[in-house]
Amino acid sequence: MKYGSVCSGVEAATVAWHPLGWKPQWFSEIEKFPSAVLDNHYPDTPNLGDMTKFKEWNDDPIDLLVGGTPCQSFSVAGLRKGLADPRGNLMLTYLAIAERYQPRWLVWENVPGVLSSNRGRDFGTFLGALGQLGYGFAYRVLNAEYFGVAQRRRRVFVVGYLGDWRRAAAVLFERESMSGHLAPSRETREEAAGYTSSSFGSYSEGVGTVRAAGGDLGGGSETLVAKCLTTRVGSAYDAWTEQFITDQEKVNSITASYGMGGVDYETKPLVFGAQNSSTQSLSASTDVTPTLDKSKTPAMQLGHTVRRLSPKECERLQGFPDDYTRIPYRNKSAEDCPDSPRYKAMGNSMAVPVMNWIGKRIQMVEKETENL
């Protein structure tokens, strides 16, 4: 399977699909740090840059187009300008690229807010345009929490297949659910939101979505924190937490059961919450982390103090291999790679295990089609 990727970020799709033998033909990313990550890991794959200049790209065919166009204009927490926002219009640019290359598969991702943006008209515009281009499609909200990572991250995924909606539906829906026999779902608990714009101290169970941007709470910047259930075993001093902890403890604080590229971790119970930088107060939650956010530095509680989650731990929350974003950057070695762009890259990324599942489902449908 040959695919092109737009709004590539640090390429969760390629990390997820490499084990399937799929090959990226090109990326399209304009942010400096993600572009540096792509160049570091995939030097032989061209980064074509600005997706709005797609008419200047080569005409080499692709089998699949993947992308998560900017979600700010469709976020419930945003201004909800929808397609009136230029960032939202990149959704239409994605469709124009699909029209040019006509891959048989499309995979598109966005926040759940896209379903209600402009009373659903924006999403309807997108789906209607898919139909006009000849694509059958299906969409579903998938939560990374149920794919082996310790993070609650709900995202809308649209899968399109040129000329046949049934193949798209077969990717996102198991046969039992398509027949009306729904598998039992995990119980939904009535909890307060992990992040709120008007109050501080409310929380939800588990780690919420790893985000790339966010606001303030209670007059101070909100920070994701966690109570670590591991024990301190060393004497390395961390001035931020005023605690003696070890690098190994930081590494082991957050783990994920999902394995990729030789990385295989065992899930451990953690307690997470929201921490306000002004008051240093903490509201706790359990099981999995809330959504990662680029402006909310995640942290972990040690005793009565907190420490930030390491970028490595955030990589694990998204299903990436350890130190995937620890690269030489701006004339500095990988060992001196700054943390801030690594946090942002993880907040903007898709969850690797979800993309891996979608890839495997596409591969399954492809094989079934060959056997017809």
Protein backbone atom coordinates (compact mmCIF):
# COMPACT_ATOMS: atom_id res chain seq x y z
CA MET A 1 0.00 0.00 0.00
CA LYS A 2 1.43 3.36 -1.08
CA TYR A 3 0.06 6.39 0.72
CA GLY A 4 0.39 10.14 0.91
CA SER A 5 0.05 12.02 4.20
CA VAL A 6 -1.09 15.60 4.77
CA CYS A 7 -0.92 17.55 8.04
CA SER A 8 1.56 14.82 8.84
CA GLY A 9 2.83 15.98 12.22
CA VAL A 10 5.34 13.42 13.46
CA GLU A 11 3.62 10.65 11.46
CA ALA A 12 1.62 8.41 13.75
CA ALA A 13 0.31 6.80 10.56
CA THR A 14 3.77 5.75 9.40
CA VAL A 15 4.75 4.42 12.83
CA ALA A 16 1.49 2.44 12.86
CA TRP A 17 1.62 1.20 9.28
CA HIS A 18 5.31 0.38 8.88
CA PRO A 19 4.78 -3.10 10.41
CA LEU A 20 2.14 -3.69 7.72
CA GLY A 21 4.70 -3.11 4.98
CA TRP A 22 3.04 0.10 3.78
CA LYS A 23 5.22 2.81 2.21
CA PRO A 24 4.75 6.59 2.48
CA GLN A 25 5.28 8.33 -0.85
CA TRP A 26 5.30 11.84 0.58
CA PHE A 27 4.45 13.89 3.65
CA SER A 28 2.99 17.39 3.89
CA GLU A 29 3.99 19.25 7.05
CA ILE A 30 4.96 22.90 7.58
CA GLU A 31 5.75 23.11 11.33
CA LYS A 32 9.50 23.21 11.98
CA PHE A 33 9.88 20.67 14.75
CA PRO A 34 7.61 17.95 13.29
CA SER A 35 9.35 18.47 9.95
CA ALA A 36 12.68 17.90 11.68
CA VAL A 37 11.34 14.70 13.23
CA LEU A 38 10.22 13.49 9.80
CA ASP A 39 13.59 14.31 8.26
CA ASN A 40 15.34 12.47 11.09
CA HIS A 41 13.28 9.27 10.84
CA TYR A 42 12.33 9.25 7.13
CA PRO A 43 15.12 11.02 5.19
CA ASP A 44 14.16 9.23 1.97
CA THR A 45 10.52 10.36 2.04
CA PRO A 46 9.99 13.91 0.70
CA ASN A 47 8.14 16.45 2.81
CA LEU A 48 6.21 18.51 0.27
CA GLY A 49 5.35 21.22 2.79
CA ASP A 50 2.27 23.43 2.37
CA MET A 51 -0.72 21.28 1.36
CA THR A 52 -2.43 24.24 -0.31
CA LYS A 53 0.27 24.08 -2.99
CA PHE A 54 -0.68 20.53 -3.96
CA LYS A 55 -1.12 21.50 -7.61
CA GLU A 56 2.68 21.81 -7.79
CA TRP A 57 3.23 18.25 -6.54
CA ASN A 58 4.15 15.33 -8.78
CA ASP A 59 1.53 13.02 -10.23
CA ASP A 60 2.81 9.72 -8.84
CA PRO A 61 -0.21 7.58 -7.91
CA ILE A 62 -1.06 6.65 -4.31
CA ASP A 63 -3.41 4.00 -2.95
CA LEU A 64 -4.43 5.92 0.17
CA LEU A 65 -4.58 9.52 1.40
CA VAL A 66 -4.41 10.09 5.16
CA GLY A 67 -4.62 13.29 7.16
CA GLY A 68 -6.01 15.03 10.20
CA THR A 69 -6.66 18.60 9.07
CA PRO A 70 -6.45 21.28 11.80
CA CYS A 71 -9.14 20.81 14.39
CA GLN A 72 -9.20 24.25 16.02
CA SER A 73 -12.19 25.49 14.08
CA PHE A 74 -14.15 22.36 14.96
CA SER A 75 -13.22 22.08 18.64
CA VAL A 76 -16.05 22.55 21.12
CA ALA A 77 -13.65 24.73 23.12
CA GLY A 78 -12.76 26.91 20.13
CA LEU A 79 -14.55 29.72 18.33
CA ARG A 80 -16.53 27.23 16.26
CA LYS A 81 -16.09 29.20 13.05
CA GLY A 82 -16.14 25.97 11.11
CA LEU A 83 -15.53 26.36 7.41
CA ALA A 84 -15.37 30.14 7.82
CA ASP A 85 -12.02 29.61 9.55
CA PRO A 86 -9.13 29.21 7.06
CA ARG A 87 -7.81 26.31 9.13
CA GLY A 88 -11.15 24.56 8.74
CA ASN A 89 -10.98 25.12 5.00
CA LEU A 90 -7.97 22.80 4.87
CA MET A 91 -10.62 20.12 5.13
CA LEU A 92 -11.69 21.15 1.63
CA THR A 93 -8.07 21.21 0.51
CA TYR A 94 -7.84 17.59 1.63
CA LEU A 95 -10.80 16.82 -0.63
CA ALA A 96 -9.18 18.63 -3.56
CA ILE A 97 -6.04 16.50 -3.11
CA ALA A 98 -8.23 13.40 -3.06
CA GLU A 99 -9.88 14.53 -6.29
CA ARG A 100 -6.51 14.97 -7.98
CA TYR A 101 -4.92 11.67 -6.95
CA GLN A 102 -8.09 9.55 -6.66
CA PRO A 103 -6.65 6.99 -4.22
CA ARG A 104 -8.99 4.09 -3.59
CA TRP A 105 -8.78 4.68 0.21
CA LEU A 106 -9.17 7.81 2.32
CA VAL A 107 -8.56 8.13 6.08
CA TRP A 108 -9.44 11.45 7.76
CA GLU A 109 -9.35 12.33 11.46
CA ASN A 110 -10.72 15.16 13.56
CA VAL A 111 -12.09 16.07 16.98
CA PRO A 112 -15.68 15.04 17.88
CA GLY A 113 -16.66 18.72 17.77
CA VAL A 114 -16.67 18.48 13.98
CA LEU A 115 -19.93 16.53 14.23
CA SER A 116 -21.78 19.53 15.64
CA SER A 117 -19.83 22.40 14.07
CA ASN A 118 -22.28 24.82 12.45
CA ARG A 119 -25.07 22.46 13.55
CA GLY A 120 -23.49 19.63 11.63
CA ARG A 121 -23.44 21.46 8.32
CA ASP A 122 -19.63 21.55 8.11
CA PHE A 123 -19.30 17.81 8.52
CA GLY A 124 -22.21 17.32 6.16
CA THR A 125 -20.40 19.43 3.58
CA PHE A 126 -17.35 17.20 3.92
CA LEU A 127 -19.32 13.97 3.57
CA GLY A 128 -21.37 15.35 0.70
CA ALA A 129 -18.21 16.31 -1.15
CA LEU A 130 -16.83 12.79 -0.62
CA GLY A 131 -19.93 11.41 -2.27
CA GLN A 132 -19.61 13.81 -5.21
CA LEU A 133 -16.02 12.61 -5.69
CA GLY A 134 -17.30 9.05 -5.94
CA TYR A 135 -16.32 7.81 -2.49
CA GLY A 136 -18.45 5.63 -0.31
CA PHE A 137 -17.70 6.40 3.32
CA ALA A 138 -18.24 5.52 6.95
CA TYR A 139 -17.33 7.40 10.11
CA ARG A 140 -16.96 6.46 13.74
CA VAL A 141 -15.72 7.97 17.01
CA LEU A 142 -12.84 5.89 18.38
CA ASN A 143 -11.30 6.29 21.82
CA ALA A 144 -7.59 5.50 22.20
CA GLU A 145 -8.31 4.34 25.74
CA TYR A 146 -9.70 1.11 24.32
CA PHE A 147 -6.73 0.43 22.04
CA GLY A 148 -4.08 -0.21 24.65
CA VAL A 149 -2.83 3.22 25.73
CA ALA A 150 -3.44 4.91 29.06
CA GLN A 151 -5.09 8.00 27.60
CA ARG A 152 -8.69 8.99 26.97
CA ARG A 153 -8.63 10.40 23.43
CA ARG A 154 -11.85 10.44 21.39
CA ARG A 155 -11.53 11.25 17.71
CA VAL A 156 -13.77 11.04 14.65
CA PHE A 157 -12.37 8.85 11.88
CA VAL A 158 -13.76 8.89 8.36
CA VAL A 159 -12.79 6.06 6.01
CA GLY A 160 -13.64 6.35 2.34
CA TYR A 161 -13.41 3.83 -0.48
CA LEU A 162 -13.70 4.81 -4.12
CA GLY A 163 -17.05 3.55 -5.38
CA ASP A 164 -18.17 1.37 -2.45
CA TRP A 165 -19.39 2.44 1.02
CA ARG A 166 -19.57 -1.18 2.19
CA ARG A 167 -15.79 -1.59 2.15
CA ALA A 168 -15.36 1.62 4.11
CA ALA A 169 -17.93 0.45 6.64
CA ALA A 170 -16.24 -2.94 6.92
CA VAL A 171 -13.09 -1.15 8.10
CA LEU A 172 -14.66 0.83 10.92
CA PHE A 173 -17.42 -1.54 12.00
CA GLU A 174 -17.26 -5.16 13.00
CA ARG A 175 -19.73 -7.44 11.26
CA GLU A 176 -21.70 -7.96 14.48
CA SER A 177 -22.37 -4.24 14.87
CA MET A 178 -23.28 -3.85 11.18
CA SER A 179 -25.90 -6.56 11.65
CA GLY A 180 -27.42 -4.72 14.59
CA HIS A 181 -25.83 -6.99 17.21
CA LEU A 182 -23.76 -4.47 19.13
CA ALA A 183 -20.97 -5.73 21.33
CA PRO A 184 -21.35 -4.73 24.99
CA SER A 185 -19.57 -1.48 25.67
CA ARG A 186 -17.60 -0.39 28.67
CA GLU A 187 -19.83 1.26 31.25
CA THR A 188 -20.06 5.03 30.91
CA ARG A 189 -19.51 6.80 34.22
CA GLU A 190 -21.05 10.17 35.03
CA GLU A 191 -18.01 12.25 36.00
CA ALA A 192 -17.10 15.93 35.89
CA ALA A 193 -14.93 16.99 32.98
CA GLY A 194 -11.19 16.69 33.44
CA TYR A 195 -10.69 20.18 31.99
CA THR A 196 -13.17 23.02 32.32
CA SER A 197 -12.90 26.65 31.23
CA SER A 198 -14.89 28.15 34.09
CA SER A 199 -13.84 26.31 37.24
CA PHE A 200 -10.95 24.52 38.82
CA GLY A 201 -10.89 21.27 40.68
CA SER A 202 -13.31 19.16 38.65
CA TYR A 203 -11.90 15.98 37.20
CA SER A 204 -12.64 12.83 35.27
CA GLU A 205 -11.35 9.33 35.72
CA GLY A 206 -8.29 8.67 33.64
CA VAL A 207 -5.95 10.70 31.52
CA GLY A 208 -7.84 12.73 28.97
CA THR A 209 -6.80 13.57 25.46
CA VAL A 210 -3.22 14.70 24.91
CA ARG A 211 -3.77 18.14 23.45
CA ALA A 212 -1.69 20.61 21.51
CA ALA A 213 -3.38 23.77 22.79
CA GLY A 214 -5.55 24.84 25.68
CA GLY A 215 -6.54 27.59 28.06
CA ASP A 216 -6.11 28.57 31.67
CA LEU A 217 -7.90 27.46 34.80
CA GLY A 218 -8.50 29.38 37.98
CA GLY A 219 -6.10 32.15 37.05
CA GLY A 220 -3.17 29.85 36.38
CA SER A 221 -2.07 27.49 33.64
CA GLU A 222 -3.61 24.07 33.94
CA THR A 223 -1.26 21.12 34.10
CA LEU A 224 -1.97 17.44 33.79
CA VAL A 225 -0.69 15.72 36.91
CA ALA A 226 -0.61 12.18 38.13
CA LYS A 227 -0.04 10.38 41.39
CA CYS A 228 2.69 7.86 40.76
CA LEU A 229 2.21 4.46 42.32
CA THR A 230 5.82 3.44 41.82
CA THR A 231 8.32 3.81 44.66
CA ARG A 232 11.34 6.09 44.85
CA VAL A 233 14.49 4.00 44.73
CA GLY A 234 17.33 6.43 44.01
CA SER A 235 18.97 9.71 44.88
CA ALA A 236 18.78 11.80 41.70
CA TYR A 237 17.49 15.26 42.70
CA ASP A 238 14.70 16.94 40.76
CA ALA A 239 14.51 20.61 41.75
CA TRP A 240 11.08 21.11 40.18
CA THR A 241 9.40 18.66 42.52
CA GLU A 242 11.82 19.09 45.43
CA GLN A 243 11.98 15.34 45.61
CA PHE A 244 14.74 12.78 45.25
CA ILE A 245 13.74 10.60 42.32
CA THR A 246 15.50 8.63 39.62
CA ASP A 247 15.37 8.83 35.87
CA GLN A 248 14.31 5.20 35.89
CA GLU A 249 11.29 6.06 38.00
CA LYS A 250 10.32 8.76 35.53
CA VAL A 251 10.56 6.24 32.73
CA ASN A 252 8.44 3.68 34.55
CA SER A 253 5.75 6.09 35.74
CA ILE A 254 3.50 5.78 32.70
CA THR A 255 3.47 2.65 30.63
CA ALA A 256 1.24 1.28 27.93
CA SER A 257 0.30 -2.25 26.98
CA TYR A 258 0.64 -1.47 23.27
CA GLY A 259 3.84 -2.74 21.62
CA MET A 260 5.42 -1.18 18.55
CA GLY A 261 8.92 -1.35 17.11
CA GLY A 262 10.21 -3.65 19.81
CA VAL A 263 8.65 -1.50 22.55
CA ASP A 264 6.27 -3.39 24.80
CA TYR A 265 5.06 -1.96 28.09
CA GLU A 266 2.82 -3.23 30.82
CA THR A 267 -0.01 -0.96 31.91
CA LYS A 268 0.26 0.24 35.52
CA PRO A 269 -2.41 2.00 37.58
CA LEU A 270 -1.90 5.74 37.99
CA VAL A 271 -3.86 8.59 39.49
CA PHE A 272 -4.14 11.69 37.31
CA GLY A 273 -5.71 15.09 37.66
CA ALA A 274 -5.48 18.80 36.86
CA GLN A 275 -2.92 20.97 38.65
CA ASN A 276 -3.02 24.76 38.82
CA SER A 277 0.36 26.47 38.69
CA SER A 278 -0.81 29.27 41.00
CA THR A 279 -2.12 27.15 43.83
CA GLN A 280 -0.27 23.85 43.22
CA SER A 281 -3.56 22.17 44.16
CA LEU A 282 -4.47 18.83 42.66
CA SER A 283 -7.66 17.07 41.70
CA ALA A 284 -7.16 13.36 41.25
CA SER A 285 -8.51 10.80 38.82
CA THR A 286 -7.64 7.22 38.05
CA ASP A 287 -6.91 4.59 35.42
CA VAL A 288 -5.98 6.57 32.29
CA THR A 289 -4.80 10.10 31.53
CA PRO A 290 -7.04 12.89 30.22
CA THR A 291 -6.44 14.24 26.74
CA LEU A 292 -2.91 15.61 26.30
CA ASP A 293 -2.80 19.30 25.45
CA LYS A 294 0.15 21.23 24.02
CA SER A 295 -0.27 24.16 26.42
CA LYS A 296 -0.95 22.08 29.53
CA THR A 297 2.32 20.56 30.62
CA PRO A 298 1.51 17.12 32.06
CA ALA A 299 2.81 16.34 35.53
CA MET A 300 2.85 13.59 38.12
CA GLN A 301 2.34 13.71 41.87
CA LEU A 302 5.06 12.44 44.16
CA GLY A 303 3.91 12.55 47.76
CA HIS A 304 2.56 16.06 48.31
CA THR A 305 4.37 17.59 45.35
CA VAL A 306 4.07 17.18 41.61
CA ARG A 307 6.46 16.73 38.74
CA ARG A 308 5.92 17.06 35.03
CA LEU A 309 5.45 13.98 32.95
CA SER A 310 8.45 13.47 30.72
CA PRO A 311 8.12 13.75 26.93
CA LYS A 312 8.90 10.02 26.85
CA GLU A 313 5.85 9.31 28.97
CA CYS A 314 3.71 11.44 26.64
CA GLU A 315 5.08 9.45 23.72
CA ARG A 316 3.93 6.29 25.48
CA LEU A 317 0.48 7.80 26.02
CA GLN A 318 0.22 8.18 22.23
CA GLY A 319 1.73 4.76 21.48
CA PHE A 320 5.05 5.97 20.06
CA PRO A 321 8.40 4.28 20.74
CA ASP A 322 10.45 5.83 23.52
CA ASP A 323 12.36 8.99 22.53
CA TYR A 324 10.79 9.06 19.07
CA THR A 325 10.77 12.87 19.18
CA ARG A 326 14.17 13.18 20.89
CA ILE A 327 16.13 14.35 17.86
CA PRO A 328 18.97 16.75 16.99
CA TYR A 329 17.27 20.14 16.69
CA ARG A 330 18.43 23.71 16.11
CA ASN A 331 22.12 22.88 16.29
CA LYS A 332 21.64 20.89 19.48
CA SER A 333 22.20 17.19 19.96
CA ALA A 334 19.36 14.77 20.60
CA GLU A 335 20.36 14.71 24.28
CA ASP A 336 19.66 18.47 24.44
CA CYS A 337 16.43 18.40 22.42
CA PRO A 338 13.98 20.83 24.09
CA ASP A 339 10.90 19.41 25.77
CA SER A 340 8.32 22.03 24.70
CA PRO A 341 8.11 21.10 20.99
CA ARG A 342 8.03 17.42 21.96
CA TYR A 343 5.00 17.99 24.20
CA LYS A 344 3.28 19.96 21.43
CA ALA A 345 4.03 17.30 18.83
CA MET A 346 2.44 14.62 21.00
CA GLY A 347 -0.60 16.78 21.70
CA ASN A 348 -1.14 17.30 17.97
CA SER A 349 -0.60 13.68 16.99
CA MET A 350 -2.95 10.82 16.34
CA ALA A 351 -2.76 7.79 18.61
CA VAL A 352 -0.56 5.14 16.99
CA PRO A 353 -2.52 2.04 18.09
CA VAL A 354 -5.78 3.44 16.69
CA MET A 355 -4.11 4.05 13.33
CA ASN A 356 -2.58 0.59 13.47
CA TRP A 357 -6.03 -0.93 14.00
CA ILE A 358 -7.48 1.02 11.06
CA GLY A 359 -4.57 -0.06 8.87
CA LYS A 360 -5.08 -3.70 9.78
CA ARG A 361 -8.78 -3.43 9.02
CA ILE A 362 -8.05 -1.91 5.60
CA GLN A 363 -5.56 -4.68 4.96
CA MET A 364 -8.20 -7.25 5.92
CA VAL A 365 -10.74 -5.76 3.50
CA GLU A 366 -8.12 -5.64 0.76
CA LYS A 367 -7.38 -9.35 1.19
CA GLU A 368 -11.06 -10.23 1.20
CA THR A 369 -11.52 -8.23 -2.00
CA GLU A 370 -8.67 -10.13 -3.68
CA ASN A 371 -10.35 -13.42 -2.83
CA LEU A 372 -13.66 -12.50 -4.44
